[in-house]
């Protein structure tokens, strides 16, 4: 097992997931809110929806994605926990 490769893949995964969360919460919910508010979802602007709900839902999905991907990575490098 190469610990360096394991951590490189782990950090790459974390960076990708944080970039997605940043885009959804900061870019869509703050920077692009006026542009996205032209699109209506359930009676409110899409930018408002991202600021209020979208970033939270995205964060929850990213938690499950991280868990799944890390379990796969752990098995690949044989550092998983046996059940």
PDB file of N, CA and C in Angstrom:
ATOM      1  N   UNK A   1       0.834  -1.178   0.000  1.00  0.00           N
ATOM      2  CA  UNK A   1       0.000   0.000   0.000  1.00  0.00           C
ATOM      3  C   UNK A   1       0.882   1.246   0.000  1.00  0.00           C
ATOM      4  N   UNK A   2       0.535   2.184  -0.858  1.00  0.00           N
ATOM      5  CA  UNK A   2       1.254   3.437  -0.934  1.00  0.00           C
ATOM      6  C   UNK A   2       0.424   4.519  -0.255  1.00  0.00           C
ATOM      7  N   UNK A   3       0.852   4.933   0.939  1.00  0.00           N
ATOM      8  CA  UNK A   3       0.102   5.916   1.712  1.00  0.00           C
ATOM      9  C   UNK A   3      -0.001   7.254   0.986  1.00  0.00           C
ATOM     10  N   UNK A   4       1.028   7.610   0.274  1.00  0.00           N
ATOM     11  CA  UNK A   4       1.042   8.873  -0.452  1.00  0.00           C
ATOM     12  C   UNK A   4      -0.043   8.909  -1.534  1.00  0.00           C
ATOM     13  N   UNK A   5      -0.177   7.827  -2.279  1.00  0.00           N
ATOM     14  CA  UNK A   5      -1.214   7.761  -3.319  1.00  0.00           C
ATOM     15  C   UNK A   5      -2.611   7.774  -2.718  1.00  0.00           C
ATOM     16  N   UNK A   6      -2.755   7.091  -1.603  1.00  0.00           N
ATOM     17  CA  UNK A   6      -4.045   7.063  -0.908  1.00  0.00           C
ATOM     18  C   UNK A   6      -4.463   8.476  -0.508  1.00  0.00           C
ATOM     19  N   UNK A   7      -3.541   9.218   0.121  1.00  0.00           N
ATOM     20  CA  UNK A   7      -3.877  10.565   0.573  1.00  0.00           C
ATOM     21  C   UNK A   7      -4.069  11.521  -0.587  1.00  0.00           C
ATOM     22  N   UNK A   8      -3.328  11.334  -1.679  1.00  0.00           N
ATOM     23  CA  UNK A   8      -3.537  12.171  -2.858  1.00  0.00           C
ATOM     24  C   UNK A   8      -4.943  11.988  -3.406  1.00  0.00           C
ATOM     25  N   UNK A   9      -5.382  10.743  -3.495  1.00  0.00           N
ATOM     26  CA  UNK A   9      -6.737  10.480  -3.988  1.00  0.00           C
ATOM     27  C   UNK A   9      -7.789  11.003  -3.009  1.00  0.00           C
ATOM     28  N   UNK A  10      -7.522  10.838  -1.715  1.00  0.00           N
ATOM     29  CA  UNK A  10      -8.447  11.334  -0.694  1.00  0.00           C
ATOM     30  C   UNK A  10      -8.573  12.854  -0.785  1.00  0.00           C
ATOM     31  N   UNK A  11      -7.471  13.556  -0.854  1.00  0.00           N
ATOM     32  CA  UNK A  11      -7.496  15.016  -0.932  1.00  0.00           C
ATOM     33  C   UNK A  11      -8.111  15.503  -2.238  1.00  0.00           C
ATOM     34  N   UNK A  12      -7.890  14.779  -3.312  1.00  0.00           N
ATOM     35  CA  UNK A  12      -8.509  15.143  -4.595  1.00  0.00           C
ATOM     36  C   UNK A  12     -10.027  15.040  -4.491  1.00  0.00           C
ATOM     37  N   UNK A  13     -10.512  13.966  -3.895  1.00  0.00           N
ATOM     38  CA  UNK A  13     -11.945  13.783  -3.702  1.00  0.00           C
ATOM     39  C   UNK A  13     -12.532  14.905  -2.842  1.00  0.00           C
ATOM     40  N   UNK A  14     -11.867  15.221  -1.739  1.00  0.00           N
ATOM     41  CA  UNK A  14     -12.344  16.281  -0.851  1.00  0.00           C
ATOM     42  C   UNK A  14     -12.367  17.621  -1.591  1.00  0.00           C
ATOM     43  N   UNK A  15     -11.333  17.903  -2.363  1.00  0.00           N
ATOM     44  CA  UNK A  15     -11.276  19.165  -3.108  1.00  0.00           C
ATOM     45  C   UNK A  15     -12.411  19.271  -4.119  1.00  0.00           C
ATOM     46  N   UNK A  16     -12.700  18.195  -4.814  1.00  0.00           N
ATOM     47  CA  UNK A  16     -13.795  18.194  -5.792  1.00  0.00           C
ATOM     48  C   UNK A  16     -15.136  18.428  -5.103  1.00  0.00           C
ATOM     49  N   UNK A  17     -15.367  17.719  -4.009  1.00  0.00           N
ATOM     50  CA  UNK A  17     -16.639  17.858  -3.302  1.00  0.00           C
ATOM     51  C   UNK A  17     -16.798  19.250  -2.684  1.00  0.00           C
ATOM     52  N   UNK A  18     -15.711  19.803  -2.160  1.00  0.00           N
ATOM     53  CA  UNK A  18     -15.780  21.161  -1.620  1.00  0.00           C
ATOM     54  C   UNK A  18     -16.017  22.191  -2.720  1.00  0.00           C
ATOM     55  N   UNK A  19     -15.434  21.966  -3.891  1.00  0.00           N
ATOM     56  CA  UNK A  19     -15.659  22.879  -5.018  1.00  0.00           C
ATOM     57  C   UNK A  19     -17.123  22.856  -5.447  1.00  0.00           C
ATOM     58  N   UNK A  20     -17.716  21.671  -5.456  1.00  0.00           N
ATOM     59  CA  UNK A  20     -19.140  21.561  -5.802  1.00  0.00           C
ATOM     60  C   UNK A  20     -19.987  22.296  -4.770  1.00  0.00           C
ATOM     61  N   UNK A  21     -19.694  22.084  -3.501  1.00  0.00           N
ATOM     62  CA  UNK A  21     -20.464  22.743  -2.447  1.00  0.00           C
ATOM     63  C   UNK A  21     -20.288  24.259  -2.508  1.00  0.00           C
ATOM     64  N   UNK A  22     -19.058  24.710  -2.777  1.00  0.00           N
ATOM     65  CA  UNK A  22     -18.799  26.138  -2.921  1.00  0.00           C
ATOM     66  C   UNK A  22     -19.618  26.723  -4.069  1.00  0.00           C
ATOM     67  N   UNK A  23     -19.629  26.027  -5.196  1.00  0.00           N
ATOM     68  CA  UNK A  23     -20.380  26.517  -6.356  1.00  0.00           C
ATOM     69  C   UNK A  23     -21.864  26.638  -6.034  1.00  0.00           C
ATOM     70  N   UNK A  24     -22.402  25.636  -5.385  1.00  0.00           N
ATOM     71  CA  UNK A  24     -23.836  25.643  -5.088  1.00  0.00           C
ATOM     72  C   UNK A  24     -24.178  26.678  -4.016  1.00  0.00           C
ATOM     73  N   UNK A  25     -23.414  26.719  -2.938  1.00  0.00           N
ATOM     74  CA  UNK A  25     -23.772  27.600  -1.835  1.00  0.00           C
ATOM     75  C   UNK A  25     -23.357  29.050  -2.065  1.00  0.00           C
ATOM     76  N   UNK A  26     -22.145  29.284  -2.507  1.00  0.00           N
ATOM     77  CA  UNK A  26     -21.661  30.654  -2.645  1.00  0.00           C
ATOM     78  C   UNK A  26     -21.989  31.248  -4.014  1.00  0.00           C
ATOM     79  N   UNK A  27     -21.628  30.535  -5.063  1.00  0.00           N
ATOM     80  CA  UNK A  27     -21.871  31.090  -6.401  1.00  0.00           C
ATOM     81  C   UNK A  27     -23.355  31.177  -6.728  1.00  0.00           C
ATOM     82  N   UNK A  28     -24.067  30.063  -6.580  1.00  0.00           N
ATOM     83  CA  UNK A  28     -25.491  30.050  -6.932  1.00  0.00           C
ATOM     84  C   UNK A  28     -26.339  30.800  -5.913  1.00  0.00           C
ATOM     85  N   UNK A  29     -25.992  30.717  -4.645  1.00  0.00           N
ATOM     86  CA  UNK A  29     -26.810  31.312  -3.598  1.00  0.00           C
ATOM     87  C   UNK A  29     -26.508  32.765  -3.290  1.00  0.00           C
ATOM     88  N   UNK A  30     -25.317  33.252  -3.694  1.00  0.00           N
ATOM     89  CA  UNK A  30     -24.946  34.629  -3.374  1.00  0.00           C
ATOM     90  C   UNK A  30     -24.562  35.420  -4.624  1.00  0.00           C
ATOM     91  N   UNK A  31     -23.565  34.964  -5.348  1.00  0.00           N
ATOM     92  CA  UNK A  31     -23.035  35.720  -6.482  1.00  0.00           C
ATOM     93  C   UNK A  31     -24.020  35.756  -7.658  1.00  0.00           C
ATOM     94  N   UNK A  32     -24.582  34.613  -8.017  1.00  0.00           N
ATOM     95  CA  UNK A  32     -25.464  34.527  -9.185  1.00  0.00           C
ATOM     96  C   UNK A  32     -26.939  34.555  -8.826  1.00  0.00           C
ATOM     97  N   UNK A  33     -27.262  34.983  -7.610  1.00  0.00           N
ATOM     98  CA  UNK A  33     -28.647  34.911  -7.142  1.00  0.00           C
ATOM     99  C   UNK A  33     -29.589  35.721  -8.031  1.00  0.00           C
ATOM    100  N   UNK A  34     -29.211  36.913  -8.429  1.00  0.00           N
ATOM    101  CA  UNK A  34     -30.097  37.738  -9.263  1.00  0.00           C
ATOM    102  C   UNK A  34     -30.334  37.111 -10.628  1.00  0.00           C
ATOM    103  N   UNK A  35     -29.288  36.560 -11.200  1.00  0.00           N
ATOM    104  CA  UNK A  35     -29.420  35.900 -12.501  1.00  0.00           C
ATOM    105  C   UNK A  35     -30.314  34.671 -12.402  1.00  0.00           C
ATOM    106  N   UNK A  36     -30.131  33.879 -11.361  1.00  0.00           N
ATOM    107  CA  UNK A  36     -30.909  32.651 -11.196  1.00  0.00           C
ATOM    108  C   UNK A  36     -32.344  32.920 -10.753  1.00  0.00           C
ATOM    109  N   UNK A  37     -32.593  34.056 -10.134  1.00  0.00           N
ATOM    110  CA  UNK A  37     -33.949  34.364  -9.669  1.00  0.00           C
ATOM    111  C   UNK A  37     -34.921  34.609 -10.814  1.00  0.00           C
ATOM    112  N   UNK A  38     -34.417  34.753 -12.033  1.00  0.00           N
ATOM    113  CA  UNK A  38     -35.292  34.870 -13.206  1.00  0.00           C
ATOM    114  C   UNK A  38     -36.066  33.571 -13.410  1.00  0.00           C
ATOM    115  N   UNK A  39     -35.424  32.466 -13.055  1.00  0.00           N
ATOM    116  CA  UNK A  39     -36.059  31.145 -13.149  1.00  0.00           C
ATOM    117  C   UNK A  39     -36.856  30.915 -11.877  1.00  0.00           C
ATOM    118  N   UNK A  40     -38.111  30.569 -12.001  1.00  0.00           N
ATOM    119  CA  UNK A  40     -38.993  30.369 -10.852  1.00  0.00           C
ATOM    120  C   UNK A  40     -39.160  28.882 -10.557  1.00  0.00           C
ATOM    121  N   UNK A  41     -39.059  28.537  -9.297  1.00  0.00           N
ATOM    122  CA  UNK A  41     -39.261  27.159  -8.845  1.00  0.00           C
ATOM    123  C   UNK A  41     -40.195  27.217  -7.651  1.00  0.00           C
ATOM    124  N   UNK A  42     -41.375  26.667  -7.802  1.00  0.00           N
ATOM    125  CA  UNK A  42     -42.336  26.649  -6.699  1.00  0.00           C
ATOM    126  C   UNK A  42     -42.720  28.039  -6.216  1.00  0.00           C
ATOM    127  N   UNK A  43     -42.724  28.998  -7.108  1.00  0.00           N
ATOM    128  CA  UNK A  43     -43.130  30.349  -6.748  1.00  0.00           C
ATOM    129  C   UNK A  43     -42.016  31.246  -6.245  1.00  0.00           C
ATOM    130  N   UNK A  44     -40.809  30.720  -6.098  1.00  0.00           N
ATOM    131  CA  UNK A  44     -39.672  31.537  -5.660  1.00  0.00           C
ATOM    132  C   UNK A  44     -38.564  31.447  -6.702  1.00  0.00           C
ATOM    133  N   UNK A  45     -37.658  32.411  -6.661  1.00  0.00           N
ATOM    134  CA  UNK A  45     -36.540  32.393  -7.595  1.00  0.00           C
ATOM    135  C   UNK A  45     -35.575  31.258  -7.303  1.00  0.00           C
ATOM    136  N   UNK A  46     -34.953  30.758  -8.358  1.00  0.00           N
ATOM    137  CA  UNK A  46     -34.008  29.645  -8.208  1.00  0.00           C
ATOM    138  C   UNK A  46     -32.815  30.038  -7.338  1.00  0.00           C
ATOM    139  N   UNK A  47     -32.350  31.277  -7.458  1.00  0.00           N
ATOM    140  CA  UNK A  47     -31.244  31.739  -6.618  1.00  0.00           C
ATOM    141  C   UNK A  47     -31.605  31.717  -5.144  1.00  0.00           C
ATOM    142  N   UNK A  48     -32.808  32.170  -4.831  1.00  0.00           N
ATOM    143  CA  UNK A  48     -33.288  32.125  -3.444  1.00  0.00           C
ATOM    144  C   UNK A  48     -33.383  30.678  -2.971  1.00  0.00           C
ATOM    145  N   UNK A  49     -33.884  29.804  -3.830  1.00  0.00           N
ATOM    146  CA  UNK A  49     -34.007  28.393  -3.461  1.00  0.00           C
ATOM    147  C   UNK A  49     -32.631  27.810  -3.141  1.00  0.00           C
ATOM    148  N   UNK A  50     -31.635  28.106  -3.999  1.00  0.00           N
ATOM    149  CA  UNK A  50     -30.279  27.606  -3.725  1.00  0.00           C
ATOM    150  C   UNK A  50     -29.762  28.132  -2.396  1.00  0.00           C
ATOM    151  N   UNK A  51     -30.012  29.398  -2.116  1.00  0.00           N
ATOM    152  CA  UNK A  51     -29.518  29.979  -0.870  1.00  0.00           C
ATOM    153  C   UNK A  51     -30.191  29.355   0.350  1.00  0.00           C
ATOM    154  N   UNK A  52     -31.468  29.022   0.234  1.00  0.00           N
ATOM    155  CA  UNK A  52     -32.212  28.523   1.388  1.00  0.00           C
ATOM    156  C   UNK A  52     -32.216  27.005   1.514  1.00  0.00           C
ATOM    157  N   UNK A  53     -32.325  26.288   0.416  1.00  0.00           N
ATOM    158  CA  UNK A  53     -32.477  24.836   0.461  1.00  0.00           C
ATOM    159  C   UNK A  53     -31.408  24.081  -0.317  1.00  0.00           C
ATOM    160  N   UNK A  54     -31.070  24.597  -1.475  1.00  0.00           N
ATOM    161  CA  UNK A  54     -30.191  23.867  -2.391  1.00  0.00           C
ATOM    162  C   UNK A  54     -28.842  23.520  -1.808  1.00  0.00           C
ATOM    163  N   UNK A  55     -28.228  24.454  -1.089  1.00  0.00           N
ATOM    164  CA  UNK A  55     -26.913  24.165  -0.523  1.00  0.00           C
ATOM    165  C   UNK A  55     -27.003  23.104   0.568  1.00  0.00           C
ATOM    166  N   UNK A  56     -28.095  23.091   1.305  1.00  0.00           N
ATOM    167  CA  UNK A  56     -28.272  22.078   2.352  1.00  0.00           C
ATOM    168  C   UNK A  56     -28.467  20.695   1.731  1.00  0.00           C
ATOM    169  N   UNK A  57     -29.344  20.614   0.728  1.00  0.00           N
ATOM    170  CA  UNK A  57     -29.556  19.329   0.035  1.00  0.00           C
ATOM    171  C   UNK A  57     -28.277  18.846  -0.625  1.00  0.00           C
ATOM    172  N   UNK A  58     -27.571  19.768  -1.245  1.00  0.00           N
ATOM    173  CA  UNK A  58     -26.313  19.400  -1.898  1.00  0.00           C
ATOM    174  C   UNK A  58     -25.321  18.869  -0.867  1.00  0.00           C
ATOM    175  N   UNK A  59     -25.221  19.535   0.284  1.00  0.00           N
ATOM    176  CA  UNK A  59     -24.315  19.079   1.333  1.00  0.00           C
ATOM    177  C   UNK A  59     -24.666  17.661   1.783  1.00  0.00           C
ATOM    178  N   UNK A  60     -25.937  17.380   1.956  1.00  0.00           N
ATOM    179  CA  UNK A  60     -26.349  16.034   2.370  1.00  0.00           C
ATOM    180  C   UNK A  60     -25.991  14.989   1.318  1.00  0.00           C
ATOM    181  N   UNK A  61     -26.215  15.316   0.057  1.00  0.00           N
ATOM    182  CA  UNK A  61     -25.854  14.386  -1.024  1.00  0.00           C
ATOM    183  C   UNK A  61     -24.341  14.175  -1.043  1.00  0.00           C
ATOM    184  N   UNK A  62     -23.574  15.251  -0.861  1.00  0.00           N
ATOM    185  CA  UNK A  62     -22.111  15.134  -0.871  1.00  0.00           C
ATOM    186  C   UNK A  62     -21.603  14.264   0.271  1.00  0.00           C
ATOM    187  N   UNK A  63     -22.282  14.274   1.405  1.00  0.00           N
ATOM    188  CA  UNK A  63     -21.892  13.392   2.510  1.00  0.00           C
ATOM    189  C   UNK A  63     -22.001  11.926   2.085  1.00  0.00           C
ATOM    190  N   UNK A  64     -23.109  11.577   1.439  1.00  0.00           N
ATOM    191  CA  UNK A  64     -23.292  10.193   0.991  1.00  0.00           C
ATOM    192  C   UNK A  64     -22.316   9.836  -0.125  1.00  0.00           C
ATOM    193  N   UNK A  65     -22.060  10.761  -1.028  1.00  0.00           N
ATOM    194  CA  UNK A  65     -21.090  10.528  -2.105  1.00  0.00           C
ATOM    195  C   UNK A  65     -19.705  10.310  -1.507  1.00  0.00           C
ATOM    196  N   UNK A  66     -19.316  11.143  -0.546  1.00  0.00           N
ATOM    197  CA  UNK A  66     -18.015  10.999   0.103  1.00  0.00           C
ATOM    198  C   UNK A  66     -17.890   9.643   0.786  1.00  0.00           C
ATOM    199  N   UNK A  67     -18.929   9.247   1.498  1.00  0.00           N
ATOM    200  CA  UNK A  67     -18.905   7.957   2.185  1.00  0.00           C
ATOM    201  C   UNK A  67     -18.721   6.810   1.209  1.00  0.00           C
ATOM    202  N   UNK A  68     -19.489   6.832   0.128  1.00  0.00           N
ATOM    203  CA  UNK A  68     -19.400   5.769  -0.881  1.00  0.00           C
ATOM    204  C   UNK A  68     -18.015   5.743  -1.526  1.00  0.00           C
ATOM    205  N   UNK A  69     -17.532   6.917  -1.928  1.00  0.00           N
ATOM    206  CA  UNK A  69     -16.229   6.989  -2.601  1.00  0.00           C
ATOM    207  C   UNK A  69     -15.086   6.598  -1.657  1.00  0.00           C
ATOM    208  N   UNK A  70     -15.178   6.991  -0.395  1.00  0.00           N
ATOM    209  CA  UNK A  70     -14.111   6.640   0.549  1.00  0.00           C
ATOM    210  C   UNK A  70     -14.117   5.153   0.864  1.00  0.00           C
ATOM    211  N   UNK A  71     -15.286   4.548   0.929  1.00  0.00           N
ATOM    212  CA  UNK A  71     -15.325   3.095   1.117  1.00  0.00           C
ATOM    213  C   UNK A  71     -14.651   2.387  -0.053  1.00  0.00           C
ATOM    214  N   UNK A  72     -14.901   2.873  -1.265  1.00  0.00           N
ATOM    215  CA  UNK A  72     -14.254   2.302  -2.450  1.00  0.00           C
ATOM    216  C   UNK A  72     -12.748   2.517  -2.397  1.00  0.00           C
ATOM    217  N   UNK A  73     -12.330   3.722  -2.033  1.00  0.00           N
ATOM    218  CA  UNK A  73     -10.901   4.035  -1.943  1.00  0.00           C
ATOM    219  C   UNK A  73     -10.224   3.203  -0.856  1.00  0.00           C
ATOM    220  N   UNK A  74     -10.881   3.045   0.278  1.00  0.00           N
ATOM    221  CA  UNK A  74     -10.327   2.234   1.358  1.00  0.00           C
ATOM    222  C   UNK A  74     -10.121   0.785   0.920  1.00  0.00           C
ATOM    223  N   UNK A  75     -11.068   0.258   0.178  1.00  0.00           N
ATOM    224  CA  UNK A  75     -10.923  -1.115  -0.315  1.00  0.00           C
ATOM    225  C   UNK A  75      -9.798  -1.206  -1.346  1.00  0.00           C
ATOM    226  N   UNK A  76      -9.690  -0.201  -2.187  1.00  0.00           N
ATOM    227  CA  UNK A  76      -8.635  -0.184  -3.210  1.00  0.00           C
ATOM    228  C   UNK A  76      -7.254  -0.241  -2.574  1.00  0.00           C
ATOM    229  N   UNK A  77      -7.057   0.478  -1.470  1.00  0.00           N
ATOM    230  CA  UNK A  77      -5.762   0.519  -0.798  1.00  0.00           C
ATOM    231  C   UNK A  77      -5.689  -0.403   0.415  1.00  0.00           C
ATOM    232  N   UNK A  78      -6.693  -1.236   0.567  1.00  0.00           N
ATOM    233  CA  UNK A  78      -6.732  -2.240   1.629  1.00  0.00           C
ATOM    234  C   UNK A  78      -6.552  -1.638   3.015  1.00  0.00           C
ATOM    235  N   UNK A  79      -7.319  -0.567   3.279  1.00  0.00           N
ATOM    236  CA  UNK A  79      -7.320   0.030   4.612  1.00  0.00           C
ATOM    237  C   UNK A  79      -8.732   0.042   5.183  1.00  0.00           C
ATOM    238  N   UNK A  80      -9.602  -0.763   4.612  1.00  0.00           N
ATOM    239  CA  UNK A  80     -10.992  -0.800   5.065  1.00  0.00           C
ATOM    240  C   UNK A  80     -11.120  -1.613   6.338  1.00  0.00           C
ATOM    241  N   UNK A  81     -12.212  -1.351   7.032  1.00  0.00           N
ATOM    242  CA  UNK A  81     -12.509  -2.091   8.247  1.00  0.00           C
ATOM    243  C   UNK A  81     -13.306  -3.335   7.888  1.00  0.00           C
ATOM    244  N   UNK A  82     -12.918  -4.442   8.455  1.00  0.00           N
ATOM    245  CA  UNK A  82     -13.679  -5.676   8.229  1.00  0.00           C
ATOM    246  C   UNK A  82     -14.873  -5.687   9.161  1.00  0.00           C
ATOM    247  N   UNK A  83     -15.990  -6.163   8.642  1.00  0.00           N
ATOM    248  CA  UNK A  83     -17.208  -6.221   9.458  1.00  0.00           C
ATOM    249  C   UNK A  83     -17.358  -7.572  10.078  1.00  0.00           C
TER     250      UNK A  83
END
